All heavy atoms as atom14 arrays in JSON, in Angstrom:
{
  "sequence": "LNIKNQLHSHSLYRKSFFSVEIYDAVLNDNITSKEQFEKWLYI",
  "atom14_mask": [
    [1, 1, 1, 1, 1, 1, 1, 1, 0, 0, 0, 0, 0, 0],
    [1, 1, 1, 1, 1, 1, 1, 1, 0, 0, 0, 0, 0, 0],
    [1, 1, 1, 1, 1, 1, 1, 1, 0, 0, 0, 0, 0, 0],
    [1, 1, 1, 1, 1, 1, 1, 1, 1, 0, 0, 0, 0, 0],
    [1, 1, 1, 1, 1, 1, 1, 1, 0, 0, 0, 0, 0, 0],
    [1, 1, 1, 1, 1, 1, 1, 1, 1, 0, 0, 0, 0, 0],
    [1, 1, 1, 1, 1, 1, 1, 1, 0, 0, 0, 0, 0, 0],
    [1, 1, 1, 1, 1, 1, 1, 1, 1, 1, 0, 0, 0, 0],
    [1, 1, 1, 1, 1, 1, 0, 0, 0, 0, 0, 0, 0, 0],
    [1, 1, 1, 1, 1, 1, 1, 1, 1, 1, 0, 0, 0, 0],
    [1, 1, 1, 1, 1, 1, 0, 0, 0, 0, 0, 0, 0, 0],
    [1, 1, 1, 1, 1, 1, 1, 1, 0, 0, 0, 0, 0, 0],
    [1, 1, 1, 1, 1, 1, 1, 1, 1, 1, 1, 1, 0, 0],
    [1, 1, 1, 1, 1, 1, 1, 1, 1, 1, 1, 0, 0, 0],
    [1, 1, 1, 1, 1, 1, 1, 1, 1, 0, 0, 0, 0, 0],
    [1, 1, 1, 1, 1, 1, 0, 0, 0, 0, 0, 0, 0, 0],
    [1, 1, 1, 1, 1, 1, 1, 1, 1, 1, 1, 0, 0, 0],
    [1, 1, 1, 1, 1, 1, 1, 1, 1, 1, 1, 0, 0, 0],
    [1, 1, 1, 1, 1, 1, 0, 0, 0, 0, 0, 0, 0, 0],
    [1, 1, 1, 1, 1, 1, 1, 0, 0, 0, 0, 0, 0, 0],
    [1, 1, 1, 1, 1, 1, 1, 1, 1, 0, 0, 0, 0, 0],
    [1, 1, 1, 1, 1, 1, 1, 1, 0, 0, 0, 0, 0, 0],
    [1, 1, 1, 1, 1, 1, 1, 1, 1, 1, 1, 1, 0, 0],
    [1, 1, 1, 1, 1, 1, 1, 1, 0, 0, 0, 0, 0, 0],
    [1, 1, 1, 1, 1, 0, 0, 0, 0, 0, 0, 0, 0, 0],
    [1, 1, 1, 1, 1, 1, 1, 0, 0, 0, 0, 0, 0, 0],
    [1, 1, 1, 1, 1, 1, 1, 1, 0, 0, 0, 0, 0, 0],
    [1, 1, 1, 1, 1, 1, 1, 1, 0, 0, 0, 0, 0, 0],
    [1, 1, 1, 1, 1, 1, 1, 1, 0, 0, 0, 0, 0, 0],
    [1, 1, 1, 1, 1, 1, 1, 1, 0, 0, 0, 0, 0, 0],
    [1, 1, 1, 1, 1, 1, 1, 1, 0, 0, 0, 0, 0, 0],
    [1, 1, 1, 1, 1, 1, 1, 0, 0, 0, 0, 0, 0, 0],
    [1, 1, 1, 1, 1, 1, 0, 0, 0, 0, 0, 0, 0, 0],
    [1, 1, 1, 1, 1, 1, 1, 1, 1, 0, 0, 0, 0, 0],
    [1, 1, 1, 1, 1, 1, 1, 1, 1, 0, 0, 0, 0, 0],
    [1, 1, 1, 1, 1, 1, 1, 1, 1, 0, 0, 0, 0, 0],
    [1, 1, 1, 1, 1, 1, 1, 1, 1, 1, 1, 0, 0, 0],
    [1, 1, 1, 1, 1, 1, 1, 1, 1, 0, 0, 0, 0, 0],
    [1, 1, 1, 1, 1, 1, 1, 1, 1, 0, 0, 0, 0, 0],
    [1, 1, 1, 1, 1, 1, 1, 1, 1, 1, 1, 1, 1, 1],
    [1, 1, 1, 1, 1, 1, 1, 1, 0, 0, 0, 0, 0, 0],
    [1, 1, 1, 1, 1, 1, 1, 1, 1, 1, 1, 1, 0, 0],
    [1, 1, 1, 1, 1, 1, 1, 1, 0, 0, 0, 0, 0, 0]
  ],
  "atom14_positions": [
    [[0.84, -1.22, 0.0], [0.01, 0.04, 0.0], [0.86, 1.25, -0.02], [0.54, 2.24, -0.69], [-0.98, -0.04, 1.23], [-2.1, -1.05, 1.1], [-2.79, -1.13, 2.45], [-2.97, -0.83, -0.02], [0.0, 0.0, 0.0], [0.0, 0.0, 0.0], [0.0, 0.0, 0.0], [0.0, 0.0, 0.0], [0.0, 0.0, 0.0], [0.0, 0.0, 0.0]],
    [[2.02, 1.32, 0.82], [2.85, 2.41, 0.75], [3.47, 2.72, -0.5], [3.55, 3.84, -1.07], [3.94, 2.35, 1.92], [3.42, 2.37, 3.26], [2.39, 3.01, 3.5], [4.13, 1.83, 4.29], [0.0, 0.0, 0.0], [0.0, 0.0, 0.0], [0.0, 0.0, 0.0], [0.0, 0.0, 0.0], [0.0, 0.0, 0.0], [0.0, 0.0, 0.0]],
    [[4.0, 1.62, -1.17], [4.68, 1.87, -2.49], [3.65, 2.26, -3.56], [3.85, 3.21, -4.3], [5.37, 0.53, -2.98], [6.46, 0.23, -1.98], [5.89, 0.69, -4.34], [7.08, -1.2, -2.14], [0.0, 0.0, 0.0], [0.0, 0.0, 0.0], [0.0, 0.0, 0.0], [0.0, 0.0, 0.0], [0.0, 0.0, 0.0], [0.0, 0.0, 0.0]],
    [[2.43, 1.62, -3.59], [1.47, 2.07, -4.52], [1.0, 3.44, -4.24], [0.78, 4.23, -5.28], [0.23, 1.02, -4.46], [0.54, -0.38, -4.97], [-0.62, -1.21, -4.89], [-1.62, -0.95, -6.0], [-2.66, -2.0, -6.18], [0.0, 0.0, 0.0], [0.0, 0.0, 0.0], [0.0, 0.0, 0.0], [0.0, 0.0, 0.0], [0.0, 0.0, 0.0]],
    [[0.82, 3.85, -3.06], [0.41, 5.17, -2.7], [1.42, 6.18, -3.28], [1.06, 7.29, -3.7], [0.24, 5.34, -1.21], [-0.41, 6.7, -0.84], [-1.43, 7.11, -1.4], [0.17, 7.37, 0.18], [0.0, 0.0, 0.0], [0.0, 0.0, 0.0], [0.0, 0.0, 0.0], [0.0, 0.0, 0.0], [0.0, 0.0, 0.0], [0.0, 0.0, 0.0]],
    [[2.73, 5.93, -3.05], [3.76, 6.86, -3.45], [3.94, 6.91, -5.03], [4.38, 7.89, -5.53], [5.13, 6.44, -2.87], [5.1, 6.65, -1.3], [6.31, 6.17, -0.76], [7.49, 6.48, -1.19], [6.29, 5.28, 0.26], [0.0, 0.0, 0.0], [0.0, 0.0, 0.0], [0.0, 0.0, 0.0], [0.0, 0.0, 0.0], [0.0, 0.0, 0.0]],
    [[3.52, 5.89, -5.71], [3.7, 5.85, -7.23], [2.45, 5.87, -7.92], [2.59, 5.96, -9.23], [4.53, 4.54, -7.55], [5.89, 4.33, -6.95], [6.42, 3.03, -7.27], [6.75, 5.5, -7.6], [0.0, 0.0, 0.0], [0.0, 0.0, 0.0], [0.0, 0.0, 0.0], [0.0, 0.0, 0.0], [0.0, 0.0, 0.0], [0.0, 0.0, 0.0]],
    [[1.28, 5.98, -7.44], [0.09, 6.0, -8.18], [-0.06, 7.06, -9.18], [-0.78, 6.8, -10.19], [-1.13, 5.9, -7.3], [-1.55, 7.24, -6.69], [-1.0, 7.83, -5.62], [-2.46, 8.23, -7.16], [-1.56, 9.0, -5.35], [-2.3, 9.18, -6.28], [0.0, 0.0, 0.0], [0.0, 0.0, 0.0], [0.0, 0.0, 0.0], [0.0, 0.0, 0.0]],
    [[0.61, 8.15, -8.91], [0.49, 9.28, -9.92], [1.78, 9.41, -10.8], [1.75, 10.41, -11.56], [0.21, 10.59, -9.2], [1.19, 10.86, -8.31], [0.0, 0.0, 0.0], [0.0, 0.0, 0.0], [0.0, 0.0, 0.0], [0.0, 0.0, 0.0], [0.0, 0.0, 0.0], [0.0, 0.0, 0.0], [0.0, 0.0, 0.0], [0.0, 0.0, 0.0]],
    [[2.6, 8.46, -10.73], [3.79, 8.47, -11.51], [3.43, 8.32, -13.04], [2.53, 7.54, -13.37], [4.79, 7.37, -11.14], [6.09, 7.47, -11.72], [6.37, 7.25, -13.01], [7.24, 7.89, -11.1], [7.68, 7.42, -13.25], [8.29, 7.78, -12.18], [0.0, 0.0, 0.0], [0.0, 0.0, 0.0], [0.0, 0.0, 0.0], [0.0, 0.0, 0.0]],
    [[4.07, 9.05, -13.86], [3.68, 9.07, -15.31], [3.82, 7.8, -16.0], [3.24, 7.49, -17.05], [4.43, 10.2, -15.96], [5.84, 9.94, -16.07], [0.0, 0.0, 0.0], [0.0, 0.0, 0.0], [0.0, 0.0, 0.0], [0.0, 0.0, 0.0], [0.0, 0.0, 0.0], [0.0, 0.0, 0.0], [0.0, 0.0, 0.0], [0.0, 0.0, 0.0]],
    [[4.73, 6.9, -15.49], [4.88, 5.57, -16.12], [4.14, 4.42, -15.49], [4.1, 3.34, -16.05], [6.45, 5.13, -16.02], [7.38, 6.15, -16.87], [8.78, 5.65, -16.58], [7.04, 6.21, -18.27], [0.0, 0.0, 0.0], [0.0, 0.0, 0.0], [0.0, 0.0, 0.0], [0.0, 0.0, 0.0], [0.0, 0.0, 0.0], [0.0, 0.0, 0.0]],
    [[3.33, 4.81, -14.35], [2.58, 3.77, -13.72], [1.41, 3.39, -14.6], [0.77, 4.32, -15.1], [2.07, 4.27, -12.34], [1.36, 3.27, -11.48], [1.86, 1.92, -11.32], [0.19, 3.64, -10.82], [1.3, 0.99, -10.53], [-0.48, 2.6, -10.01], [0.14, 1.26, -9.96], [-0.54, 0.39, -9.1], [0.0, 0.0, 0.0], [0.0, 0.0, 0.0]],
    [[1.17, 2.12, -14.85], [0.07, 1.67, -15.64], [0.5, 1.72, -17.11], [-0.33, 1.42, -17.95], [-1.31, 2.12, -15.39], [-1.83, 1.81, -14.05], [-3.12, 2.41, -13.8], [-3.33, 2.84, -12.42], [-3.03, 3.95, -11.88], [-2.45, 4.85, -12.57], [-3.24, 4.34, -10.64], [0.0, 0.0, 0.0], [0.0, 0.0, 0.0], [0.0, 0.0, 0.0]],
    [[1.69, 2.16, -17.53], [2.2, 2.34, -18.81], [3.35, 1.48, -19.0], [3.44, 0.6, -19.98], [2.43, 3.78, -19.3], [1.18, 4.63, -19.29], [1.58, 6.04, -19.65], [0.36, 6.92, -19.65], [-0.12, 7.32, -18.39], [0.0, 0.0, 0.0], [0.0, 0.0, 0.0], [0.0, 0.0, 0.0], [0.0, 0.0, 0.0], [0.0, 0.0, 0.0]],
    [[4.38, 1.59, -18.17], [5.55, 0.76, -18.21], [5.77, -0.08, -17.05], [6.58, -1.07, -17.14], [6.83, 1.85, -18.34], [6.71, 2.59, -19.52], [0.0, 0.0, 0.0], [0.0, 0.0, 0.0], [0.0, 0.0, 0.0], [0.0, 0.0, 0.0], [0.0, 0.0, 0.0], [0.0, 0.0, 0.0], [0.0, 0.0, 0.0], [0.0, 0.0, 0.0]],
    [[5.14, 0.25, -16.0], [5.18, -0.71, -14.82], [3.76, -0.71, -14.2], [3.07, 0.26, -14.35], [6.36, -0.41, -13.77], [6.05, 0.96, -12.93], [5.47, 0.8, -11.7], [6.45, 2.15, -13.39], [5.3, 1.99, -10.97], [6.23, 3.3, -12.68], [5.6, 3.27, -11.49], [0.0, 0.0, 0.0], [0.0, 0.0, 0.0], [0.0, 0.0, 0.0]],
    [[3.53, -1.79, -13.49], [2.14, -2.06, -13.09], [2.14, -2.52, -11.67], [3.18, -2.93, -11.13], [1.43, -3.18, -13.93], [1.52, -2.73, -15.46], [2.62, -3.01, -16.27], [0.49, -2.0, -16.08], [2.59, -2.65, -17.56], [0.44, -1.61, -17.26], [1.53, -1.9, -18.11], [0.0, 0.0, 0.0], [0.0, 0.0, 0.0], [0.0, 0.0, 0.0]],
    [[0.9, -2.57, -11.09], [0.88, -3.04, -9.61], [1.3, -4.44, -9.51], [1.8, -4.82, -8.39], [-0.58, -2.9, -9.18], [-1.5, -3.64, -9.89], [0.0, 0.0, 0.0], [0.0, 0.0, 0.0], [0.0, 0.0, 0.0], [0.0, 0.0, 0.0], [0.0, 0.0, 0.0], [0.0, 0.0, 0.0], [0.0, 0.0, 0.0], [0.0, 0.0, 0.0]],
    [[1.12, -5.3, -10.52], [1.63, -6.7, -10.46], [3.19, -6.71, -10.01], [3.59, -7.61, -9.34], [1.35, -7.49, -11.64], [2.11, -6.99, -12.83], [1.47, -8.92, -11.5], [0.0, 0.0, 0.0], [0.0, 0.0, 0.0], [0.0, 0.0, 0.0], [0.0, 0.0, 0.0], [0.0, 0.0, 0.0], [0.0, 0.0, 0.0], [0.0, 0.0, 0.0]],
    [[3.86, -5.83, -10.55], [5.3, -5.72, -10.24], [5.57, -5.33, -8.78], [6.47, -5.8, -8.14], [6.08, -4.75, -11.19], [6.48, -5.38, -12.47], [5.66, -4.74, -13.61], [5.03, -3.79, -13.6], [5.9, -5.4, -14.69], [0.0, 0.0, 0.0], [0.0, 0.0, 0.0], [0.0, 0.0, 0.0], [0.0, 0.0, 0.0], [0.0, 0.0, 0.0]],
    [[4.7, -4.47, -8.27], [4.82, -4.19, -6.89], [4.54, -5.39, -6.02], [5.35, -5.62, -5.08], [3.92, -2.92, -6.51], [4.3, -1.71, -7.23], [3.86, -2.7, -5.04], [3.35, -0.44, -7.22], [0.0, 0.0, 0.0], [0.0, 0.0, 0.0], [0.0, 0.0, 0.0], [0.0, 0.0, 0.0], [0.0, 0.0, 0.0], [0.0, 0.0, 0.0]],
    [[3.45, -6.01, -6.32], [3.09, -7.26, -5.61], [4.34, -8.28, -5.65], [4.66, -8.89, -4.64], [1.87, -7.87, -6.1], [0.62, -7.18, -5.68], [0.11, -6.16, -6.3], [0.01, -7.64, -4.49], [-1.1, -5.55, -5.88], [-1.1, -7.0, -4.06], [-1.64, -5.93, -4.69], [-2.88, -5.35, -4.34], [0.0, 0.0, 0.0], [0.0, 0.0, 0.0]],
    [[4.84, -8.45, -6.81], [5.9, -9.38, -7.03], [7.07, -8.95, -6.28], [7.74, -9.87, -5.51], [6.28, -9.47, -8.64], [7.35, -10.45, -8.81], [7.51, -11.48, -8.16], [8.03, -10.25, -9.92], [0.0, 0.0, 0.0], [0.0, 0.0, 0.0], [0.0, 0.0, 0.0], [0.0, 0.0, 0.0], [0.0, 0.0, 0.0], [0.0, 0.0, 0.0]],
    [[7.52, -7.75, -6.3], [8.7, -7.25, -5.52], [8.5, -7.43, -4.11], [9.47, -7.97, -3.38], [8.84, -5.79, -5.88], [0.0, 0.0, 0.0], [0.0, 0.0, 0.0], [0.0, 0.0, 0.0], [0.0, 0.0, 0.0], [0.0, 0.0, 0.0], [0.0, 0.0, 0.0], [0.0, 0.0, 0.0], [0.0, 0.0, 0.0], [0.0, 0.0, 0.0]],
    [[7.34, -7.13, -3.56], [7.11, -7.22, -2.12], [6.97, -8.66, -1.6], [7.63, -9.08, -0.69], [5.93, -6.34, -1.66], [5.56, -6.6, -0.18], [6.14, -4.91, -1.98], [0.0, 0.0, 0.0], [0.0, 0.0, 0.0], [0.0, 0.0, 0.0], [0.0, 0.0, 0.0], [0.0, 0.0, 0.0], [0.0, 0.0, 0.0], [0.0, 0.0, 0.0]],
    [[6.18, -9.4, -2.34], [5.88, -10.75, -1.78], [6.93, -11.77, -2.13], [7.21, -12.69, -1.4], [4.51, -11.31, -2.53], [3.29, -10.35, -2.21], [2.07, -10.97, -2.95], [3.06, -10.48, -0.66], [0.0, 0.0, 0.0], [0.0, 0.0, 0.0], [0.0, 0.0, 0.0], [0.0, 0.0, 0.0], [0.0, 0.0, 0.0], [0.0, 0.0, 0.0]],
    [[7.67, -11.61, -3.32], [8.75, -12.59, -3.64], [10.14, -12.23, -3.3], [10.94, -13.13, -3.16], [8.56, -12.95, -5.03], [7.23, -13.62, -5.36], [6.79, -14.41, -4.52], [6.56, -13.25, -6.44], [0.0, 0.0, 0.0], [0.0, 0.0, 0.0], [0.0, 0.0, 0.0], [0.0, 0.0, 0.0], [0.0, 0.0, 0.0], [0.0, 0.0, 0.0]],
    [[10.32, -10.82, -3.23], [11.74, -10.38, -3.12], [11.9, -9.5, -1.8], [12.86, -8.85, -1.63], [12.25, -9.68, -4.33], [12.33, -10.63, -5.46], [12.84, -11.72, -5.23], [12.08, -10.27, -6.72], [0.0, 0.0, 0.0], [0.0, 0.0, 0.0], [0.0, 0.0, 0.0], [0.0, 0.0, 0.0], [0.0, 0.0, 0.0], [0.0, 0.0, 0.0]],
    [[10.83, -9.42, -1.0], [10.83, -8.78, 0.3], [11.18, -7.26, 0.17], [11.9, -6.66, 1.01], [11.86, -9.48, 1.24], [11.38, -10.82, 1.59], [10.22, -11.07, 1.83], [12.24, -11.77, 1.38], [0.0, 0.0, 0.0], [0.0, 0.0, 0.0], [0.0, 0.0, 0.0], [0.0, 0.0, 0.0], [0.0, 0.0, 0.0], [0.0, 0.0, 0.0]],
    [[10.73, -6.62, -0.89], [10.95, -5.2, -1.07], [10.05, -4.44, -0.11], [8.82, -4.89, 0.07], [10.7, -4.72, -2.52], [11.59, -5.46, -3.38], [10.72, -3.22, -2.62], [13.13, -5.2, -3.17], [0.0, 0.0, 0.0], [0.0, 0.0, 0.0], [0.0, 0.0, 0.0], [0.0, 0.0, 0.0], [0.0, 0.0, 0.0], [0.0, 0.0, 0.0]],
    [[10.54, -3.44, 0.59], [9.59, -2.76, 1.66], [9.39, -1.34, 1.48], [8.68, -0.59, 2.15], [10.21, -3.05, 2.99], [11.58, -2.49, 3.03], [10.22, -4.53, 3.3], [0.0, 0.0, 0.0], [0.0, 0.0, 0.0], [0.0, 0.0, 0.0], [0.0, 0.0, 0.0], [0.0, 0.0, 0.0], [0.0, 0.0, 0.0], [0.0, 0.0, 0.0]],
    [[10.17, -0.68, 0.43], [10.13, 0.78, 0.32], [10.01, 1.17, -1.16], [10.47, 0.36, -2.07], [11.28, 1.44, 0.96], [12.48, 1.14, 0.24], [0.0, 0.0, 0.0], [0.0, 0.0, 0.0], [0.0, 0.0, 0.0], [0.0, 0.0, 0.0], [0.0, 0.0, 0.0], [0.0, 0.0, 0.0], [0.0, 0.0, 0.0], [0.0, 0.0, 0.0]],
    [[9.69, 2.38, -1.48], [9.63, 2.9, -2.82], [11.08, 2.88, -3.49], [11.22, 2.5, -4.54], [9.07, 4.31, -2.81], [9.14, 4.98, -4.1], [8.62, 6.47, -3.96], [8.99, 7.27, -5.21], [10.16, 8.16, -5.02], [0.0, 0.0, 0.0], [0.0, 0.0, 0.0], [0.0, 0.0, 0.0], [0.0, 0.0, 0.0], [0.0, 0.0, 0.0]],
    [[12.05, 3.27, -2.61], [13.48, 3.35, -3.1], [13.94, 1.98, -3.58], [14.55, 1.69, -4.59], [14.37, 3.98, -2.02], [14.07, 5.39, -1.78], [12.76, 5.69, -1.04], [12.31, 4.78, -0.29], [12.24, 6.74, -1.12], [0.0, 0.0, 0.0], [0.0, 0.0, 0.0], [0.0, 0.0, 0.0], [0.0, 0.0, 0.0], [0.0, 0.0, 0.0]],
    [[13.64, 0.93, -2.64], [14.02, -0.42, -2.97], [13.3, -0.99, -4.24], [13.85, -1.58, -5.1], [13.64, -1.37, -1.81], [14.53, -1.19, -0.62], [14.16, -2.12, 0.49], [12.98, -2.52, 0.54], [15.1, -2.43, 1.44], [0.0, 0.0, 0.0], [0.0, 0.0, 0.0], [0.0, 0.0, 0.0], [0.0, 0.0, 0.0], [0.0, 0.0, 0.0]],
    [[12.05, -0.51, -4.39], [11.2, -1.0, -5.56], [11.81, -0.28, -6.79], [11.94, -1.05, -7.83], [9.76, -0.58, -5.4], [8.95, -0.93, -6.65], [8.64, -2.29, -6.97], [8.52, 0.08, -7.53], [7.91, -2.63, -8.13], [7.82, -0.23, -8.7], [7.51, -1.63, -8.93], [0.0, 0.0, 0.0], [0.0, 0.0, 0.0], [0.0, 0.0, 0.0]],
    [[12.2, 0.85, -6.85], [12.85, 1.59, -7.94], [14.06, 0.76, -8.34], [14.31, 0.58, -9.55], [13.1, 3.05, -7.59], [11.89, 3.89, -7.53], [12.23, 5.29, -6.99], [13.29, 5.57, -6.47], [11.27, 6.07, -7.21], [0.0, 0.0, 0.0], [0.0, 0.0, 0.0], [0.0, 0.0, 0.0], [0.0, 0.0, 0.0], [0.0, 0.0, 0.0]],
    [[14.94, 0.36, -7.4], [16.11, -0.45, -7.72], [15.72, -1.79, -8.32], [16.33, -2.21, -9.27], [16.96, -0.56, -6.49], [17.67, 0.72, -6.07], [18.45, 0.49, -4.75], [18.93, 1.78, -4.18], [19.58, 1.63, -2.97], [0.0, 0.0, 0.0], [0.0, 0.0, 0.0], [0.0, 0.0, 0.0], [0.0, 0.0, 0.0], [0.0, 0.0, 0.0]],
    [[14.73, -2.39, -7.69], [14.33, -3.69, -8.08], [13.75, -3.66, -9.5], [14.09, -4.42, -10.4], [13.15, -4.16, -7.13], [12.61, -5.52, -7.46], [12.93, -6.7, -6.95], [11.51, -5.84, -8.3], [12.12, -7.72, -7.42], [11.23, -7.17, -8.3], [10.69, -5.04, -9.18], [10.17, -7.8, -9.03], [9.61, -5.63, -9.86], [9.47, -7.0, -9.84]],
    [[13.06, -2.69, -9.79], [12.38, -2.38, -11.16], [13.57, -2.21, -12.11], [13.44, -2.74, -13.36], [11.43, -1.22, -11.22], [10.44, -1.1, -12.31], [9.66, -2.26, -12.44], [9.63, 0.25, -12.18], [0.0, 0.0, 0.0], [0.0, 0.0, 0.0], [0.0, 0.0, 0.0], [0.0, 0.0, 0.0], [0.0, 0.0, 0.0], [0.0, 0.0, 0.0]],
    [[14.56, -1.48, -11.84], [15.69, -1.31, -12.8], [16.4, -2.61, -13.03], [16.81, -2.94, -14.27], [16.58, -0.26, -12.2], [17.84, 0.05, -13.17], [17.62, 0.79, -14.3], [19.08, -0.46, -12.92], [18.66, 1.02, -15.2], [20.02, -0.17, -13.78], [19.84, 0.44, -14.86], [20.94, 0.73, -15.86], [0.0, 0.0, 0.0], [0.0, 0.0, 0.0]],
    [[16.63, -3.39, -12.0], [17.35, -4.63, -12.14], [16.44, -5.65, -12.9], [16.93, -6.28, -13.83], [17.73, -5.2, -10.76], [18.78, -4.39, -10.05], [18.18, -6.74, -10.83], [18.95, -4.64, -8.56], [0.0, 0.0, 0.0], [0.0, 0.0, 0.0], [0.0, 0.0, 0.0], [0.0, 0.0, 0.0], [0.0, 0.0, 0.0], [0.0, 0.0, 0.0]]
  ]
}
């Protein structure tokens, strides 16, 4: 919820990255913050 809340208005959200990636990052790779998610998404 925190990551989605911080990124919901990002211009690339729902175009280049999606909520499914947030779920994947948190549930499978233990990502806990927006900053970690940004690194995860890049990798």
